Every structure is written in C-alpha cells, then in structure tokens.
Amino acid sequence: MDKSATLGLSSEMEDYLETIAGLFRLKGEARVTDIAERLQVSKPSVSLAMRVLADKGLIHYKPYISPTLTENGRKIAERVQHRHDVIKQFLANVLGVAPEMAENNACRLEHVIDREVLDHLTHFTDFIQRCPRGGSKWIRGYEYECDPDKETERCEQCMVMALSEYRQRLHLNPGKECRMTLAELAPKESGRIVQVGNLGTARRRLADMGVVCGSLVTVVKVAPLGDPMEVKIKGYNLTLRKNEAALVIIEKKAPASSED
C-alpha cells in the first residue's frame, strides 16, 4: 500500500510535500513564503500544514525556519512527482494536450490514479516512444480522420514512409548513440533513460525513486567491487544495486570522432 495512504494524507498534504521537494531542487531551500506563492495559499495556511506534516514525521519544521523533508517525506514526494510526470507526459506527448492544460490536469489526476493503471500507462508511453513503428509522427497521426477501409493505399504509403525514415535515421547517425545498461556506465558518465525493466515490483521500486524514461542520469561513484553504485537523477543522489542498475537502459552519446 502507498505510504501516503497509510498515513491518511490528503491531496493537499501531498502537494505540500511535492512543492517542498521541488523548491529544494530549484533553490536549495523551501521557504514558507515560496511555498505559499507556488500553491497560491496564505502563509498561515502553510504554517498549519507544516505542523501537520511534522506531526506525521514527514518534515522537520520549526517556526521561522525553512522546513526540510524527512526520509519518509522525501519518498512520498518522489512518488507524487513520478505520478505527475507520467500523467503529464502522456497527456502532452501522446494525446497532444497543450502544455498548460496537461500540467493542470496532471496536478489533479496524480492524487487519484490507481497504481496499476499508472504502471500500464508508463509501460504504454515507453513503448510507443521507443518502438520504430511509433514516434512523434505516428502519435500525431491519430489527429487525422481516415477510414482504414477506404484509405488502404494511403495507409500503405504511411507505412513505407515510416520505414524509410527509420532506415534514414540509422544511416545518418551510425554509432552516434550508444545504448547500454546503467550498470555499464563509469563515474561521471551520463545518459538518458530510455527503458526501465518490465512491469513488476523491480520496475515499480525504480519508478518510486524517480528512475523513469526521459530522465537524465549521471553516475556519481561506484563501489570498489562495482556494487552498489551512486547515481544522480532530478537533483537527488540515489544508491542502486548492480542488479537494479542492469534493468535500466540508457542512451549515451558516443564521443565525437576527429572526422566530425
């Protein structure tokens, strides 16, 4: 069961945790004034919410001192942010919803979506973005009205064009992008996550830590025997076991050759 559910957190309290985490990534601290401004509430309302969250062991808080997240508070904030990111990405990149509308709807949906639905939504979004039959042009295609029974010739042309563009991309960029597992990266090397395991508990645990497709990840350091490894994602330092890092596929730009 989700930790926030067991603590009886309302959507408003989850928003406070998410906002504190976001301000820390952006400014290094979360002042009451900034929290109030971002959530468009009064400072007394923020102070009251801080006391509630402190009583639940989710933040460290004293009057006139900026609150900080406890370990449990940080984990809940990451889970809420993950739900937000997945929903916003689906609305904006798959359904083509305007960015501001996608943001506003994600803020509401992130509090009510079931975990299983979120897992499938993440898996579907990953699939259509990395599958050669998918991509941005294929996604935009649903906006055009066409009857497959009457537009057979047109459909064949689209498929031929898609295959041609895919082959052209491979020809224009041979070896420029290298796919490997996160476990294969060396310290200070970075890559963008393109796939995270399969459906299941391992993928769910990684997602809870912010390890999701599209995120930039940098290896901070690796233990002498290669396990565990410390990585940085979305401003957070995370420790992953080698078997967990092996589930994460990243796309790493290869060094430019002297001929480039």
Protein backbone atom coordinates (compact mmCIF):
# COMPACT_ATOMS: atom_id res chain seq x y z
CA MET A 1 0.00 0.00 0.00
CA ASP A 2 1.18 3.54 -0.74
CA LYS A 3 2.83 5.15 2.30
CA SER A 4 0.76 8.34 1.90
CA ALA A 5 -2.43 6.25 2.02
CA THR A 6 -1.41 4.56 5.27
CA LEU A 7 -0.72 7.96 6.80
CA GLY A 8 -4.08 9.32 5.66
CA LEU A 9 -2.54 12.15 3.64
CA SER A 10 -4.94 14.35 1.69
CA SER A 11 -4.13 15.53 -1.83
CA GLU A 12 -3.35 18.96 -0.36
CA MET A 13 -0.74 17.49 2.00
CA GLU A 14 0.83 15.55 -0.89
CA ASP A 15 1.01 18.84 -2.83
CA TYR A 16 2.91 20.43 0.05
CA LEU A 17 5.48 17.61 0.08
CA GLU A 18 5.85 17.77 -3.69
CA THR A 19 6.29 21.55 -3.54
CA ILE A 20 8.94 21.39 -0.81
CA ALA A 21 10.92 18.85 -2.84
CA GLY A 22 10.59 20.97 -5.99
CA LEU A 23 11.78 24.14 -4.25
CA PHE A 24 14.77 22.32 -2.81
CA ARG A 25 15.80 21.17 -6.28
CA LEU A 26 15.35 24.69 -7.63
CA LYS A 27 16.59 26.92 -4.80
CA GLY A 28 18.21 24.69 -2.21
CA GLU A 29 15.56 25.54 0.39
CA ALA A 30 11.78 25.76 0.74
CA ARG A 31 10.78 28.98 2.46
CA VAL A 32 7.21 29.35 3.72
CA THR A 33 6.80 32.42 1.51
CA ASP A 34 7.81 30.46 -1.60
CA ILE A 35 5.54 27.53 -0.71
CA ALA A 36 2.60 29.90 -0.25
CA GLU A 37 3.31 31.62 -3.56
CA ARG A 38 3.63 28.38 -5.52
CA LEU A 39 0.47 26.84 -4.06
CA GLN A 40 -1.40 30.17 -4.01
CA VAL A 41 -2.35 29.90 -0.34
CA SER A 42 -1.76 32.14 2.69
CA LYS A 43 1.35 31.85 4.86
CA PRO A 44 -0.76 30.92 7.94
CA SER A 45 -2.21 28.03 5.89
CA VAL A 46 1.32 26.88 5.05
CA SER A 47 2.38 27.06 8.71
CA LEU A 48 -0.62 24.95 9.75
CA ALA A 49 0.15 22.36 7.04
CA MET A 50 3.80 22.24 8.14
CA ARG A 51 2.75 21.37 11.68
CA VAL A 52 0.51 18.58 10.40
CA LEU A 53 3.30 17.12 8.25
CA ALA A 54 5.80 17.44 11.10
CA ASP A 55 3.44 15.54 13.42
CA LYS A 56 3.32 12.72 10.86
CA GLY A 57 7.12 12.58 10.72
CA LEU A 58 7.34 13.74 7.11
CA ILE A 59 9.19 17.04 7.59
CA HIS A 60 11.47 18.77 10.08
CA TYR A 61 9.87 22.07 10.96
CA LYS A 62 10.26 24.92 13.42
CA PRO A 63 8.67 28.39 13.17
CA TYR A 64 10.75 30.88 11.15
CA ILE A 65 12.98 28.08 9.81
CA SER A 66 12.52 26.57 6.34
CA PRO A 67 11.11 23.03 6.52
CA THR A 68 13.09 20.04 5.27
CA LEU A 69 11.84 16.61 4.26
CA THR A 70 12.47 13.51 6.34
CA GLU A 71 13.40 10.30 4.52
CA ASN A 72 9.74 9.17 4.50
CA GLY A 73 8.63 12.60 3.35
CA ARG A 74 11.15 12.55 0.51
CA LYS A 75 9.97 9.12 -0.67
CA ILE A 76 6.32 10.23 -0.75
CA ALA A 77 7.25 13.46 -2.57
CA GLU A 78 9.15 11.45 -5.20
CA ARG A 79 6.19 9.11 -5.72
CA VAL A 80 3.79 12.04 -6.17
CA GLN A 81 6.21 13.74 -8.58
CA HIS A 82 6.56 10.49 -10.53
CA ARG A 83 2.80 10.15 -10.92
CA HIS A 84 2.64 13.78 -12.05
CA ASP A 85 5.44 13.34 -14.61
CA VAL A 86 3.96 10.18 -16.12
CA ILE A 87 0.47 11.65 -16.48
CA LYS A 88 1.74 14.96 -17.86
CA GLN A 89 4.00 13.19 -20.35
CA PHE A 90 1.11 11.04 -21.57
CA LEU A 91 -1.28 13.98 -21.92
CA ALA A 92 1.25 16.26 -23.66
CA ASN A 93 3.38 13.85 -25.72
CA VAL A 94 0.85 11.17 -26.61
CA LEU A 95 -2.54 12.89 -26.63
CA GLY A 96 -1.14 16.25 -27.76
CA VAL A 97 -2.79 18.25 -24.98
CA ALA A 98 -1.49 21.83 -24.61
CA PRO A 99 1.34 22.06 -22.00
CA GLU A 100 -0.56 24.25 -19.53
CA MET A 101 -3.66 22.06 -19.70
CA ALA A 102 -1.52 18.92 -19.34
CA GLU A 103 0.14 20.41 -16.25
CA ASN A 104 -3.17 21.41 -14.63
CA ASN A 105 -4.82 18.05 -15.27
CA ALA A 106 -1.76 16.12 -14.07
CA CYS A 107 -1.93 18.06 -10.79
CA ARG A 108 -5.45 16.75 -10.24
CA LEU A 109 -5.10 13.22 -11.61
CA GLU A 110 -1.86 12.44 -9.74
CA HIS A 111 -3.82 12.08 -6.49
CA VAL A 112 -6.50 9.65 -7.69
CA ILE A 113 -4.90 7.34 -10.27
CA ASP A 114 -4.55 3.70 -9.21
CA ARG A 115 -1.03 2.29 -9.03
CA GLU A 116 -1.75 -0.50 -11.51
CA VAL A 117 -3.18 1.98 -14.02
CA LEU A 118 -0.08 4.16 -13.63
CA ASP A 119 2.19 1.16 -14.26
CA HIS A 120 0.38 0.34 -17.51
CA LEU A 121 0.31 3.98 -18.56
CA THR A 122 4.07 4.22 -18.05
CA HIS A 123 4.66 0.99 -19.97
CA PHE A 124 2.47 2.14 -22.88
CA THR A 125 4.14 5.56 -23.11
CA ASP A 126 7.60 3.98 -23.07
CA PHE A 127 6.59 1.50 -25.77
CA ILE A 128 5.19 3.93 -28.32
CA GLN A 129 8.13 6.31 -27.89
CA ARG A 130 10.86 3.74 -28.43
CA CYS A 131 9.17 1.39 -30.90
CA PRO A 132 10.28 2.06 -34.54
CA ARG A 133 6.60 1.95 -35.54
CA GLY A 134 5.86 4.76 -33.10
CA GLY A 135 7.46 8.15 -32.56
CA SER A 136 6.09 11.67 -32.71
CA LYS A 137 4.78 11.49 -36.29
CA TRP A 138 2.90 8.26 -35.63
CA ILE A 139 1.41 9.71 -32.44
CA ARG A 140 0.23 12.83 -34.28
CA GLY A 141 -1.38 10.63 -36.94
CA TYR A 142 -4.45 9.93 -34.84
CA GLU A 143 -5.49 13.57 -35.28
CA TYR A 144 -6.22 12.97 -38.95
CA GLU A 145 -9.55 11.46 -39.90
CA CYS A 146 -9.19 8.49 -42.18
CA ASP A 147 -11.21 5.35 -42.75
CA PRO A 148 -8.89 2.31 -42.99
CA ASP A 149 -11.46 0.53 -45.17
CA LYS A 150 -11.37 3.35 -47.70
CA GLU A 151 -7.80 4.59 -47.29
CA THR A 152 -5.85 1.35 -47.75
CA GLU A 153 -3.49 2.86 -50.30
CA ARG A 154 -2.82 5.83 -48.05
CA CYS A 155 -2.06 3.57 -45.08
CA GLU A 156 0.46 1.62 -47.14
CA GLN A 157 2.16 4.86 -48.14
CA CYS A 158 2.41 5.89 -44.48
CA MET A 159 4.00 2.57 -43.52
CA VAL A 160 6.51 2.74 -46.37
CA MET A 161 7.39 6.32 -45.41
CA ALA A 162 7.86 5.37 -41.76
CA LEU A 163 10.20 2.51 -42.66
CA SER A 164 12.17 4.78 -44.98
CA GLU A 165 12.58 7.45 -42.28
CA TYR A 166 13.67 4.83 -39.75
CA ARG A 167 16.34 3.47 -42.09
CA GLN A 168 17.47 7.02 -42.88
CA ARG A 169 17.94 7.81 -39.19
CA LEU A 170 20.13 4.73 -38.81
CA HIS A 171 22.17 5.74 -41.87
CA LEU A 172 22.67 9.37 -40.79
CA ASN A 173 23.60 8.53 -37.20
CA PRO A 174 25.64 5.32 -37.22
CA GLY A 175 27.19 4.79 -33.83
CA LYS A 176 26.36 8.30 -32.60
CA GLU A 177 24.06 6.99 -29.90
CA CYS A 178 25.02 4.04 -27.79
CA ARG A 179 22.53 2.04 -25.75
CA MET A 180 23.71 0.22 -22.68
CA THR A 181 22.61 -0.54 -19.16
CA LEU A 182 23.12 1.94 -16.36
CA ALA A 183 25.33 -0.65 -14.67
CA GLU A 184 27.85 -0.26 -17.53
CA LEU A 185 28.34 3.49 -17.08
CA ALA A 186 31.53 4.71 -15.43
CA PRO A 187 31.68 7.50 -12.81
CA LYS A 188 30.91 10.98 -14.23
CA GLU A 189 29.32 9.46 -17.35
CA SER A 190 25.72 10.38 -18.16
CA GLY A 191 22.89 9.14 -20.30
CA ARG A 192 19.18 9.49 -20.84
CA ILE A 193 16.92 6.69 -19.64
CA VAL A 194 15.02 5.02 -22.49
CA GLN A 195 13.71 1.85 -20.81
CA VAL A 196 13.21 0.60 -17.26
CA GLY A 197 12.82 -3.15 -16.83
CA ASN A 198 9.39 -4.66 -17.30
CA LEU A 199 6.14 -4.50 -15.38
CA GLY A 200 6.62 -5.74 -11.85
CA THR A 201 7.98 -4.94 -8.42
CA ALA A 202 11.51 -4.10 -9.65
CA ARG A 203 10.23 -1.53 -12.13
CA ARG A 204 7.85 -0.13 -9.52
CA ARG A 205 10.65 0.31 -6.95
CA LEU A 206 12.84 2.08 -9.52
CA ALA A 207 9.96 4.33 -10.56
CA ASP A 208 9.36 5.28 -6.92
CA MET A 209 12.95 6.52 -6.81
CA GLY A 210 12.46 8.68 -9.89
CA VAL A 211 14.14 6.28 -12.34
CA VAL A 212 11.79 6.86 -15.28
CA CYS A 213 12.15 7.16 -19.04
CA GLY A 214 13.34 10.51 -20.32
CA SER A 215 15.29 11.40 -17.16
CA LEU A 216 18.98 12.27 -17.35
CA VAL A 217 21.11 10.13 -15.06
CA THR A 218 24.74 10.63 -14.03
CA VAL A 219 26.90 8.11 -12.22
CA VAL A 220 28.44 9.77 -9.16
CA LYS A 221 30.57 6.89 -7.90
CA VAL A 222 30.81 3.11 -7.93
CA ALA A 223 31.88 0.88 -5.05
CA PRO A 224 35.29 -0.83 -5.48
CA LEU A 225 33.66 -4.14 -6.43
CA GLY A 226 31.08 -2.43 -8.66
CA ASP A 227 28.17 -2.82 -6.25
CA PRO A 228 26.40 -0.66 -5.21
CA MET A 229 26.60 2.49 -7.33
CA GLU A 230 25.51 6.04 -6.57
CA VAL A 231 23.70 7.99 -9.29
CA LYS A 232 22.13 11.43 -9.58
CA ILE A 233 18.63 11.86 -11.05
CA LYS A 234 16.48 15.01 -10.90
CA GLY A 235 18.79 16.58 -8.33
CA TYR A 236 18.72 13.57 -5.99
CA ASN A 237 21.54 11.14 -5.23
CA LEU A 238 20.32 7.54 -5.20
CA THR A 239 22.06 4.27 -4.35
CA LEU A 240 21.27 1.34 -6.65
CA ARG A 241 22.32 -2.28 -6.51
CA LYS A 242 24.07 -3.54 -9.62
CA ASN A 243 21.18 -5.86 -10.49
CA GLU A 244 18.79 -2.87 -10.32
CA ALA A 245 21.04 -0.70 -12.49
CA ALA A 246 21.20 -3.53 -15.02
CA LEU A 247 17.45 -3.19 -15.56
CA VAL A 248 17.82 0.44 -16.67
CA ILE A 249 18.62 1.00 -20.36
CA ILE A 250 20.21 4.36 -21.12
CA GLU A 251 21.13 6.14 -24.33
CA LYS A 252 24.60 7.59 -24.18
CA LYS A 253 26.07 9.89 -26.79
CA ALA A 254 29.26 8.47 -28.17
CA PRO A 255 32.31 10.78 -28.23
CA ALA A 256 32.63 12.73 -31.47
CA SER A 257 35.31 11.40 -33.80
CA SER A 258 38.12 13.54 -35.20
CA GLU A 259 36.37 13.49 -38.57
CA ASP A 260 33.21 15.16 -37.19
